[in-house]
Amino acid sequence: LVTLKRLSDQPKVVDDSGMKGPYSQLTREELISLILKQENQLSERDYKISELEQYIDNLLVRVIEEKPSILMSLTVPPGCSRHA
C-alpha cells in the first residue's frame, strides 16, 4: 500500500538543475508561502482598485447631476491648445 504525502509536508528544495535565480534555493514550503502572500497582495490591490472605480463613478454621477458644465470645460475647441 502506497501512502501519498501532501505537498506542504515535503521540505525538499525545488530541483534547480539548470535554473538560476532568486527563487531557485527556496523550499517548496517557502515557494507556497510566497505565492499565497502574493495572491493576498493581489486580492487587496484588486479590492482597492474596485473601491476607487466605484468612488470615481459616484463622483462623476454627482458632477453630471450638479454641474455638468465642469465636464464641458474639459473639451478643447479645435485649433486651441490647453497648455498655452
Foldseek 3Di string as FASTA:
>chain_A
DDDDDDQLVDQDQPDQVVNDDDRNRHTSNVVVVVVVVVVVVVVVVVVVVVVVVVVVVVVVVCCVVPPVVVVVVVDDDPPDDPVD
